[in-house]
Amino acid sequence: MQNHAISSRLARGPQVPVPSATSPGPTVRGLNRKKRCKGMTLLEIILALAIFGGAVAVIGEVSRLGLRSAADARDMTQALLIADTIMAELRIGIRTLEPVFDAAVTSEEFVDTDAADPDWAVGALWLYSIDTAMLDDNGLTAVAVTVTRQQSIAPVPVSVRLVRWIVDPEVEQAEIDAAAEAAEMLM
């Protein structure tokens, strides 16, 4: 019985699909597929360009924000250095503890003559204010130093306020003189 089934298959020959009227043969289908796989369609190219353009726009915006943040940090650091220097000058008595309002910074150490940006090189672009308030009779004074960038120059306002309690150098000197006088009297 097995021999009969094998012989009937061999008699029929290899089975080749016959193309019908509704579908092209396997050869035509295979040729169409090969032609389509050789290149990219216009739609795929347009989509790739749109994705690439969007990525470039996002990277450009991120780099712009990074540069702006770096400039803001530079300005804040410069303002803090100016405020700290003015506070140190007040503490050691180089400047008097008198209120000042929006005076231009003219100190040479804040003027960078080698700066690439001419606005950054001019020290007069920074303004400072000094506010004082006596806290007690022993000469303890609250000192507030505020440094701001002139509004006409800076697109983003930069302002730093530094507050410290210090002993008035005049009161401190008077106490030192009184102690020295008392020591002389004892000798």
Protein backbone atom coordinates (compact mmCIF):
# COMPACT_ATOMS: atom_id res chain seq x y z
CA MET A 1 0.00 0.00 0.00
CA GLN A 2 2.87 2.31 0.70
CA ASN A 3 4.45 1.64 -2.65
CA HIS A 4 1.27 2.60 -4.43
CA ALA A 5 1.12 6.04 -2.68
CA ILE A 6 4.74 6.81 -3.53
CA SER A 7 4.34 5.79 -7.14
CA SER A 8 1.22 7.93 -7.59
CA ARG A 9 3.08 10.99 -6.27
CA LEU A 10 5.96 10.42 -8.61
CA ALA A 11 3.64 10.02 -11.54
CA ARG A 12 2.06 13.41 -10.96
CA GLY A 13 5.42 15.22 -10.98
CA PRO A 14 6.47 18.24 -8.97
CA GLN A 15 3.65 20.46 -7.89
CA VAL A 16 3.97 23.98 -9.31
CA PRO A 17 1.39 26.54 -8.37
CA VAL A 18 -0.58 27.81 -11.28
CA PRO A 19 -1.15 31.55 -11.40
CA SER A 20 -4.75 32.55 -11.24
CA ALA A 21 -6.41 35.51 -12.85
CA THR A 22 -6.70 37.42 -9.54
CA SER A 23 -3.12 37.04 -8.35
CA PRO A 24 0.11 37.32 -10.26
CA GLY A 25 2.47 34.40 -10.06
CA PRO A 26 5.12 33.97 -7.36
CA THR A 27 7.78 35.21 -9.70
CA VAL A 28 6.08 38.55 -10.29
CA ARG A 29 5.41 38.97 -6.58
CA GLY A 30 9.08 38.26 -5.80
CA LEU A 31 10.27 40.77 -8.40
CA ASN A 32 8.02 43.49 -6.98
CA ARG A 33 9.34 42.85 -3.48
CA LYS A 34 12.96 43.05 -4.62
CA LYS A 35 12.40 46.35 -6.43
CA ARG A 36 10.74 47.89 -3.35
CA CYS A 37 13.55 46.87 -0.98
CA LYS A 38 16.34 48.41 -3.03
CA GLY A 39 15.81 52.03 -1.89
CA MET A 40 13.93 54.36 0.45
CA THR A 41 10.68 56.00 -0.42
CA LEU A 42 10.19 59.74 -0.45
CA LEU A 43 8.00 59.48 2.64
CA GLU A 44 10.76 57.75 4.60
CA ILE A 45 13.27 60.42 3.58
CA ILE A 46 10.92 63.25 4.58
CA LEU A 47 10.24 61.58 7.93
CA ALA A 48 13.97 61.11 8.59
CA LEU A 49 14.67 64.76 7.74
CA ALA A 50 11.86 65.92 10.04
CA ILE A 51 13.26 63.87 12.94
CA PHE A 52 16.78 65.17 12.25
CA GLY A 53 15.56 68.77 12.05
CA GLY A 54 13.67 68.43 15.33
CA ALA A 55 16.74 66.99 17.04
CA VAL A 56 18.94 69.84 15.77
CA ALA A 57 16.40 72.41 17.01
CA VAL A 58 16.26 70.83 20.48
CA ILE A 59 20.06 70.64 20.74
CA GLY A 60 20.35 74.28 19.64
CA GLU A 61 17.86 75.41 22.28
CA VAL A 62 19.62 73.42 25.02
CA SER A 63 22.99 74.95 24.09
CA ARG A 64 21.47 78.46 24.06
CA LEU A 65 20.00 77.91 27.52
CA GLY A 66 23.34 76.58 28.73
CA LEU A 67 25.17 79.68 27.52
CA ARG A 68 22.59 81.95 29.11
CA SER A 69 22.83 80.12 32.43
CA ALA A 70 26.62 80.35 32.34
CA ALA A 71 26.42 84.11 31.77
CA ASP A 72 23.92 84.49 34.63
CA ALA A 73 26.19 82.49 36.95
CA ARG A 74 29.16 84.66 35.92
CA ASP A 75 27.21 87.84 36.72
CA MET A 76 26.00 86.51 40.07
CA THR A 77 29.55 85.51 41.02
CA GLN A 78 30.91 88.93 40.06
CA ALA A 79 28.17 90.67 42.09
CA LEU A 80 28.88 88.46 45.10
CA LEU A 81 32.62 89.17 44.89
CA ILE A 82 31.94 92.91 44.78
CA ALA A 83 29.55 92.72 47.75
CA ASP A 84 31.99 90.61 49.77
CA THR A 85 34.86 93.01 49.05
CA ILE A 86 32.80 96.04 50.07
CA MET A 87 31.73 94.24 53.26
CA ALA A 88 35.36 93.42 54.08
CA GLU A 89 36.34 97.07 53.53
CA LEU A 90 33.57 98.10 55.95
CA ARG A 91 34.69 95.55 58.56
CA ILE A 92 38.33 96.68 58.59
CA GLY A 93 37.48 100.38 58.43
CA ILE A 94 38.59 101.31 54.90
CA ARG A 95 35.03 102.46 54.22
CA THR A 96 32.94 104.26 56.80
CA LEU A 97 29.64 102.81 57.98
CA GLU A 98 27.53 105.42 56.24
CA PRO A 99 24.46 104.64 54.11
CA VAL A 100 25.07 104.78 50.35
CA PHE A 101 22.47 104.44 47.60
CA ASP A 102 23.26 103.24 44.04
CA ALA A 103 26.87 104.34 43.87
CA ALA A 104 28.94 103.12 40.91
CA VAL A 105 31.62 100.55 41.59
CA THR A 106 34.87 102.28 40.63
CA SER A 107 37.45 100.02 42.24
CA GLU A 108 40.14 98.90 39.78
CA GLU A 109 40.01 95.28 40.93
CA PHE A 110 36.51 94.92 39.46
CA VAL A 111 37.47 96.26 36.05
CA ASP A 112 38.69 93.54 33.70
CA THR A 113 40.62 95.21 30.89
CA ASP A 114 41.26 91.89 29.11
CA ALA A 115 37.59 90.92 28.89
CA ALA A 116 36.27 89.95 25.47
CA ASP A 117 32.88 91.50 26.25
CA PRO A 118 33.22 95.30 26.57
CA ASP A 119 30.17 95.48 28.87
CA TRP A 120 31.85 93.06 31.27
CA ALA A 121 35.05 95.13 31.34
CA VAL A 122 33.43 98.30 32.64
CA GLY A 123 33.24 98.38 36.43
CA ALA A 124 30.76 101.27 36.47
CA LEU A 125 28.05 98.89 35.23
CA TRP A 126 27.70 97.66 38.81
CA LEU A 127 25.93 99.74 41.45
CA TYR A 128 26.11 99.20 45.21
CA SER A 129 24.11 100.35 48.20
CA ILE A 130 24.98 100.20 51.88
CA ASP A 131 22.29 100.16 54.57
CA THR A 132 23.19 100.31 58.27
CA ALA A 133 21.14 99.94 61.43
CA MET A 134 22.46 100.18 65.00
CA LEU A 135 21.37 97.13 66.97
CA ASP A 136 22.57 98.08 70.48
CA ASP A 137 24.63 100.63 72.43
CA ASN A 138 27.80 98.52 72.26
CA GLY A 139 28.36 99.38 68.59
CA LEU A 140 26.83 96.26 67.04
CA THR A 141 25.56 97.28 63.63
CA ALA A 142 23.59 95.41 60.98
CA VAL A 143 25.19 96.17 57.62
CA ALA A 144 23.53 95.24 54.32
CA VAL A 145 25.47 95.58 51.06
CA THR A 146 23.40 95.29 47.88
CA VAL A 147 25.11 95.05 44.48
CA THR A 148 23.06 95.30 41.28
CA ARG A 149 23.80 95.40 37.58
CA GLN A 150 22.50 98.50 35.80
CA GLN A 151 19.13 97.76 34.19
CA SER A 152 20.03 99.43 30.89
CA ILE A 153 22.90 96.97 30.35
CA ALA A 154 21.64 93.64 31.69
CA PRO A 155 18.67 91.94 30.02
CA VAL A 156 18.17 89.92 33.20
CA PRO A 157 18.43 91.88 36.47
CA VAL A 158 21.26 90.69 38.71
CA SER A 159 21.18 91.60 42.38
CA VAL A 160 23.00 90.28 45.45
CA ARG A 161 22.33 91.32 49.05
CA LEU A 162 24.85 90.48 51.77
CA VAL A 163 23.93 91.16 55.43
CA ARG A 164 26.32 90.91 58.39
CA TRP A 165 26.40 92.09 61.96
CA ILE A 166 29.65 93.86 62.69
CA VAL A 167 31.05 96.00 65.47
CA ASP A 168 31.43 99.61 64.44
CA PRO A 169 35.20 100.15 63.98
CA GLU A 170 34.97 103.59 65.64
CA VAL A 171 33.34 102.13 68.75
CA GLU A 172 35.86 99.28 68.77
CA GLN A 173 38.76 101.75 68.48
CA ALA A 174 37.30 103.82 71.32
CA GLU A 175 37.19 100.69 73.52
CA ILE A 176 40.82 99.87 72.65
CA ASP A 177 41.89 103.43 73.48
CA ALA A 178 39.99 103.30 76.79
CA ALA A 179 41.63 100.01 77.71
CA ALA A 180 45.08 101.41 76.86
CA GLU A 181 44.39 104.52 78.98
CA ALA A 182 43.33 102.36 81.91
CA ALA A 183 46.48 100.27 81.58
CA GLU A 184 48.64 103.45 81.63
CA MET A 185 46.92 104.69 84.76
CA LEU A 186 47.67 101.43 86.55
CA MET A 187 51.38 101.69 85.75
